[in-house]
Amino acid sequence: MDRQTIDAMTFAEFAKEFSTGTPTERSNFYLAPNEYMFSAVDDLIKMVGEGRKHYFMGVIGGVDMAFNHIANLAPENAFLFDVSEKALAYLGLRLCLFRDAENMSDYYLDMIAEKGEDRAKIWNAAGTEELLRNILAHKVNDARATVQGNQHMKSLGYRQSDPVLADILYDPDFRRKAAHEGMRYLEKMLVHKEGHRSWLVKEKYGLLRQMAAENRIRGFNADFFGGFQQSAQRLIKAYGINHLVIYISNLTEIASRINRGKEQPKNESALARITDVCKPIAEQLESLWVIDSRFAENRILGSTEKY
């Protein structure tokens, strides 16, 4: 399959084509990430910013951390993956919101399907806490939420809804909670002095909005250790990728899952497993960088011309 064919796919068609394994409806689905640190980004920008045409693959997670990496690294295309069906649907929703929202305030107000005079009432708060209270207290108009959900379904290329899509695209309560958690996450980034790296900063927001409009941010279901490798290799071949950044999340959780009942140090075992996945991928590339968002404060796990 060539790049032109893939680029012409809708969000739904791409997800169907590149998803592998059986997705889950995991209970710990995140509306916002737990990570705030970006110590690896500056080094990565230096490495990939030397005229190299690079691409990004990363875990969807709570979406915002992936968006932050994309906004800071400015790849040609970004391909995001997750084992959760809900995470994939949530990514679809978040991409749709860029269509009408020219700035971050419009983005989050569109998330709660709010138009008209109430927008100003919600946003004109004395501070973050009042804004968060306004969002949680707001009664989302069911009719507007349904109309907007139908628009998103069409934009994403889904022909009919299912329980997962209905929960994400149509449920007013979900939309309100998602907007609340998104704003809370921005606040935490500011507290950690990482606000300047947020994808919501004007220039970075503009980049993501453009990439979304050009269908350069895509998503699919896959487990990093069980299917991601296959999809990644197909995309590398189709797009002629030579330089790639892979973002994974929560190495310590991966490590504990791998090491149940074993004496080997957790992080060492997880790194070995990650290397096993990445080696065949690296063989197709000139350079590969692998970063994890919570291990060693976002350390670059692999950074060589050949992994």
Protein backbone atom coordinates (compact mmCIF):
# COMPACT_ATOMS: atom_id res chain seq x y z
CA MET A 1 0.00 0.00 0.00
CA ASP A 2 1.44 3.39 -1.00
CA ARG A 3 1.39 6.72 0.80
CA GLN A 4 -1.19 8.30 -1.51
CA THR A 5 -3.69 5.55 -0.75
CA ILE A 6 -3.13 5.89 2.99
CA ASP A 7 -3.38 9.69 2.91
CA ALA A 8 -6.76 9.41 1.18
CA MET A 9 -8.19 7.26 3.99
CA THR A 10 -10.58 8.61 6.58
CA PHE A 11 -9.70 8.32 10.26
CA ALA A 12 -11.97 5.25 10.51
CA GLU A 13 -10.47 3.59 7.41
CA PHE A 14 -6.92 4.15 8.63
CA ALA A 15 -7.76 2.73 12.05
CA LYS A 16 -9.32 -0.36 10.49
CA GLU A 17 -6.40 -0.92 8.13
CA PHE A 18 -3.58 -0.62 10.67
CA SER A 19 -5.14 -1.84 13.92
CA THR A 20 -3.86 -5.21 15.12
CA GLY A 21 -4.95 -7.65 17.80
CA THR A 22 -8.06 -7.27 19.91
CA PRO A 23 -8.57 -3.80 21.41
CA THR A 24 -9.66 -3.46 25.01
CA GLU A 25 -12.12 -1.30 26.88
CA ARG A 26 -9.72 -0.89 29.78
CA SER A 27 -11.15 0.62 32.92
CA ASN A 28 -8.22 3.00 33.49
CA PHE A 29 -8.86 5.03 30.35
CA TYR A 30 -7.27 8.43 30.83
CA LEU A 31 -8.86 11.76 29.94
CA ALA A 32 -5.52 13.49 30.55
CA PRO A 33 -1.96 12.24 31.10
CA ASN A 34 -0.20 11.81 34.42
CA GLU A 35 3.10 13.07 32.97
CA TYR A 36 4.34 16.66 32.84
CA MET A 37 8.11 16.44 32.34
CA PHE A 38 9.83 17.17 29.04
CA SER A 39 13.53 16.92 29.80
CA ALA A 40 14.09 14.84 26.67
CA VAL A 41 12.45 17.25 24.25
CA ASP A 42 15.30 19.78 23.97
CA ASP A 43 17.80 17.05 23.15
CA LEU A 44 15.42 15.51 20.65
CA ILE A 45 14.78 18.84 18.94
CA LYS A 46 18.52 19.27 18.50
CA MET A 47 18.93 15.78 17.11
CA VAL A 48 15.96 15.64 14.76
CA GLY A 49 16.01 19.33 13.91
CA GLU A 50 19.15 19.18 11.77
CA GLY A 51 17.29 19.16 8.48
CA ARG A 52 16.06 15.63 9.01
CA LYS A 53 12.57 14.84 7.75
CA HIS A 54 11.29 12.93 10.75
CA TYR A 55 8.09 11.16 11.80
CA PHE A 56 6.47 10.41 15.14
CA MET A 57 4.79 7.31 16.55
CA GLY A 58 3.45 7.31 20.08
CA VAL A 59 0.95 6.08 22.61
CA ILE A 60 -2.38 7.91 22.59
CA GLY A 61 -2.84 7.68 26.35
CA GLY A 62 -4.65 10.80 27.53
CA VAL A 63 -3.89 12.49 24.16
CA ASP A 64 -2.35 15.70 25.58
CA MET A 65 1.13 14.28 26.16
CA ALA A 66 1.24 12.95 22.60
CA PHE A 67 0.01 16.33 21.34
CA ASN A 68 2.74 18.05 23.37
CA HIS A 69 5.43 15.92 21.77
CA ILE A 70 4.04 16.46 18.28
CA ALA A 71 3.76 20.22 18.79
CA ASN A 72 7.36 20.49 20.03
CA LEU A 73 8.97 18.09 17.57
CA ALA A 74 6.92 19.15 14.48
CA PRO A 75 7.12 15.84 12.58
CA GLU A 76 5.94 15.32 9.02
CA ASN A 77 3.25 12.91 10.23
CA ALA A 78 2.23 11.45 13.57
CA PHE A 79 0.84 7.93 14.01
CA LEU A 80 -0.64 7.27 17.46
CA PHE A 81 -1.63 3.90 18.88
CA ASP A 82 -3.25 2.42 21.98
CA VAL A 83 -4.74 -0.87 23.14
CA SER A 84 -7.93 0.92 24.18
CA GLU A 85 -10.85 1.42 21.80
CA LYS A 86 -11.94 4.38 23.91
CA ALA A 87 -8.55 6.03 23.63
CA LEU A 88 -8.73 5.76 19.84
CA ALA A 89 -12.24 7.22 19.75
CA TYR A 90 -11.12 9.98 22.11
CA LEU A 91 -8.26 10.85 19.77
CA GLY A 92 -10.80 11.09 16.95
CA LEU A 93 -12.91 13.50 18.99
CA ARG A 94 -9.90 15.64 19.89
CA LEU A 95 -8.83 15.89 16.25
CA CYS A 96 -12.33 16.89 15.15
CA LEU A 97 -12.37 19.80 17.59
CA PHE A 98 -9.60 21.55 15.65
CA ARG A 99 -11.94 22.09 12.69
CA ASP A 100 -13.89 25.03 14.11
CA ALA A 101 -11.72 26.12 17.03
CA GLU A 102 -9.20 28.84 16.16
CA ASN A 103 -7.73 28.92 19.66
CA MET A 104 -7.53 26.93 22.88
CA SER A 105 -10.54 28.55 24.55
CA ASP A 106 -12.76 27.76 21.57
CA TYR A 107 -11.33 24.24 21.56
CA TYR A 108 -12.44 23.43 25.09
CA LEU A 109 -15.76 25.23 24.78
CA ASP A 110 -16.48 23.24 21.62
CA MET A 111 -15.66 20.10 23.60
CA ILE A 112 -18.71 20.77 25.75
CA ALA A 113 -20.77 21.58 22.63
CA GLU A 114 -21.36 25.12 23.79
CA LYS A 115 -22.22 27.94 21.38
CA GLY A 116 -23.57 31.42 21.94
CA GLU A 117 -23.62 33.68 24.98
CA ASP A 118 -22.80 30.97 27.54
CA ARG A 119 -19.29 30.67 26.11
CA ALA A 120 -18.29 34.00 27.61
CA LYS A 121 -19.93 33.19 30.93
CA ILE A 122 -17.95 29.96 31.24
CA TRP A 123 -14.58 31.37 30.15
CA ASN A 124 -14.70 34.72 31.93
CA ALA A 125 -13.61 33.34 35.30
CA ALA A 126 -11.53 34.98 38.01
CA GLY A 127 -9.04 32.11 37.92
CA THR A 128 -8.45 28.50 36.97
CA GLU A 129 -10.44 27.04 39.83
CA GLU A 130 -13.51 29.10 38.95
CA LEU A 131 -13.14 28.12 35.29
CA LEU A 132 -12.99 24.45 36.25
CA ARG A 133 -16.07 24.85 38.42
CA ASN A 134 -17.87 26.59 35.55
CA ILE A 135 -17.11 23.70 33.21
CA LEU A 136 -18.27 21.04 35.66
CA ALA A 137 -21.41 22.98 36.52
CA HIS A 138 -22.36 23.64 32.92
CA LYS A 139 -25.37 21.72 31.60
CA VAL A 140 -24.44 20.51 28.16
CA ASN A 141 -27.32 20.87 25.72
CA ASP A 142 -28.25 17.33 24.64
CA ALA A 143 -29.48 18.44 21.21
CA ARG A 144 -26.26 20.34 20.49
CA ALA A 145 -24.19 17.41 21.69
CA THR A 146 -26.08 15.09 19.33
CA VAL A 147 -25.65 17.41 16.34
CA GLN A 148 -21.97 17.79 17.08
CA GLY A 149 -21.58 14.04 17.57
CA ASN A 150 -23.14 13.42 14.15
CA GLN A 151 -20.74 15.93 12.60
CA HIS A 152 -17.77 14.21 14.19
CA MET A 153 -18.95 10.78 13.05
CA LYS A 154 -19.09 12.08 9.48
CA SER A 155 -15.72 13.82 9.70
CA LEU A 156 -14.05 10.67 11.03
CA GLY A 157 -15.63 8.47 8.39
CA TYR A 158 -17.67 6.20 10.67
CA ARG A 159 -20.91 5.08 9.05
CA GLN A 160 -22.66 3.96 12.20
CA SER A 161 -22.15 4.38 15.90
CA ASP A 162 -21.36 1.72 18.48
CA PRO A 163 -21.27 1.84 22.30
CA VAL A 164 -17.67 3.08 22.41
CA LEU A 165 -18.22 5.87 19.88
CA ALA A 166 -21.48 6.81 21.56
CA ASP A 167 -19.74 7.17 24.93
CA ILE A 168 -17.04 9.42 23.51
CA LEU A 169 -18.72 11.43 20.77
CA TYR A 170 -22.24 11.90 22.13
CA ASP A 171 -22.30 11.64 25.91
CA PRO A 172 -22.58 15.18 27.39
CA ASP A 173 -21.24 14.09 30.79
CA PHE A 174 -18.15 12.58 29.22
CA ARG A 175 -17.51 15.72 27.19
CA ARG A 176 -17.77 17.92 30.25
CA LYS A 177 -15.36 15.73 32.24
CA ALA A 178 -12.91 15.65 29.33
CA ALA A 179 -12.89 19.45 29.06
CA HIS A 180 -12.38 19.72 32.83
CA GLU A 181 -9.46 17.27 32.84
CA GLY A 182 -7.88 18.98 29.83
CA MET A 183 -7.87 22.35 31.57
CA ARG A 184 -6.67 20.76 34.81
CA TYR A 185 -3.76 19.20 32.92
CA LEU A 186 -2.76 22.57 31.47
CA GLU A 187 -2.79 24.03 34.98
CA LYS A 188 -0.48 21.25 36.21
CA MET A 189 1.92 21.89 33.33
CA LEU A 190 2.08 25.53 34.37
CA VAL A 191 2.76 24.54 37.99
CA HIS A 192 5.63 22.31 36.79
CA LYS A 193 6.96 25.23 34.70
CA GLU A 194 6.33 23.33 31.47
CA GLY A 195 3.48 25.52 30.21
CA HIS A 196 5.59 26.95 27.37
CA ARG A 197 5.80 23.44 25.90
CA SER A 198 2.04 22.90 25.89
CA TRP A 199 0.38 22.28 22.54
CA LEU A 200 -2.12 24.96 23.58
CA VAL A 201 0.45 27.75 23.16
CA LYS A 202 -0.64 29.81 20.16
CA GLU A 203 2.05 28.78 17.64
CA LYS A 204 1.99 25.14 18.68
CA TYR A 205 -1.80 25.05 18.58
CA GLY A 206 -1.68 26.39 15.02
CA LEU A 207 0.71 23.63 13.97
CA LEU A 208 -1.48 20.88 15.41
CA ARG A 209 -4.59 22.41 13.88
CA GLN A 210 -2.93 22.43 10.47
CA MET A 211 -1.74 18.83 10.85
CA ALA A 212 -5.25 17.74 11.86
CA ALA A 213 -6.78 19.51 8.86
CA GLU A 214 -4.30 17.78 6.56
CA ASN A 215 -4.93 14.35 8.14
CA ARG A 216 -1.32 14.13 9.27
CA ILE A 217 -2.24 12.83 12.71
CA ARG A 218 -3.68 9.30 12.61
CA GLY A 219 -4.54 6.60 15.10
CA PHE A 220 -4.89 2.82 15.37
CA ASN A 221 -5.33 0.12 17.99
CA ALA A 222 -2.26 -1.92 18.87
CA ASP A 223 -0.29 -3.16 21.85
CA PHE A 224 3.33 -2.00 21.77
CA PHE A 225 4.45 -5.57 22.52
CA GLY A 226 1.81 -7.26 20.39
CA GLY A 227 1.17 -5.80 16.93
CA PHE A 228 2.64 -2.32 16.93
CA GLN A 229 5.84 -3.53 15.26
CA GLN A 230 3.92 -4.89 12.26
CA SER A 231 1.93 -1.69 11.71
CA ALA A 232 5.01 0.49 12.23
CA GLN A 233 6.99 -1.41 9.62
CA ARG A 234 4.15 -1.04 7.09
CA LEU A 235 3.97 2.71 7.67
CA ILE A 236 7.75 3.12 7.48
CA LYS A 237 7.77 1.41 4.11
CA ALA A 238 4.78 3.32 2.74
CA TYR A 239 6.04 6.75 3.80
CA GLY A 240 9.71 6.12 3.11
CA ILE A 241 10.55 7.02 6.71
CA ASN A 242 14.26 7.34 7.54
CA HIS A 243 14.12 9.18 10.88
CA LEU A 244 11.60 8.20 13.55
CA VAL A 245 10.75 9.16 17.14
CA ILE A 246 8.78 6.58 19.16
CA TYR A 247 7.11 7.72 22.37
CA ILE A 248 5.96 5.09 24.86
CA SER A 249 4.41 5.64 28.26
CA ASN A 250 4.70 4.22 31.73
CA LEU A 251 7.75 2.03 31.55
CA THR A 252 7.52 1.11 35.22
CA GLU A 253 4.04 -0.35 34.74
CA ILE A 254 5.28 -2.27 31.72
CA ALA A 255 8.21 -3.51 33.74
CA SER A 256 6.11 -4.77 36.63
CA ARG A 257 3.82 -6.58 34.19
CA ILE A 258 6.82 -8.26 32.57
CA ASN A 259 8.58 -9.11 35.83
CA ARG A 260 5.82 -10.66 37.91
CA GLY A 261 7.50 -13.46 39.81
CA LYS A 262 10.97 -12.66 38.44
CA GLU A 263 14.07 -11.41 40.19
CA GLN A 264 15.51 -9.43 37.29
CA PRO A 265 15.50 -5.63 37.88
CA LYS A 266 12.27 -4.25 36.53
CA ASN A 267 13.55 -1.45 34.32
CA GLU A 268 16.28 -3.61 32.80
CA SER A 269 13.78 -6.22 31.71
CA ALA A 270 11.40 -3.63 30.28
CA LEU A 271 14.21 -1.99 28.34
CA ALA A 272 15.19 -5.38 26.93
CA ARG A 273 11.64 -5.98 25.76
CA ILE A 274 11.43 -2.53 24.22
CA THR A 275 14.70 -3.16 22.40
CA ASP A 276 13.35 -6.44 21.02
CA VAL A 277 10.38 -4.60 19.54
CA CYS A 278 12.46 -1.75 18.14
CA LYS A 279 15.37 -3.62 16.56
CA PRO A 280 13.48 -4.82 13.44
CA ILE A 281 12.00 -1.33 13.10
CA ALA A 282 15.44 0.29 13.35
CA GLU A 283 16.71 -1.90 10.52
CA GLN A 284 14.44 0.04 8.16
CA LEU A 285 15.68 3.42 9.39
CA GLU A 286 18.72 5.68 9.41
CA SER A 287 17.95 6.85 12.95
CA LEU A 288 15.51 5.99 15.71
CA TRP A 289 14.84 7.69 19.05
CA VAL A 290 12.73 6.04 21.77
CA ILE A 291 11.51 8.05 24.74
CA ASP A 292 9.39 7.22 27.76
CA SER A 293 7.47 9.94 29.53
CA ARG A 294 7.80 8.81 33.16
CA PHE A 295 11.04 6.86 33.32
CA ALA A 296 13.93 9.06 34.47
CA GLU A 297 11.83 12.17 33.84
CA ASN A 298 11.29 11.56 30.13
CA ARG A 299 14.68 10.15 29.31
CA ILE A 300 15.65 9.17 25.79
CA LEU A 301 15.82 5.39 26.10
CA GLY A 302 17.42 4.80 22.72
CA SER A 303 19.24 7.39 20.64
CA THR A 304 21.60 6.06 18.01
CA GLU A 305 21.91 6.07 14.27
CA LYS A 306 21.09 2.38 14.44
CA TYR A 307 19.14 1.44 17.56
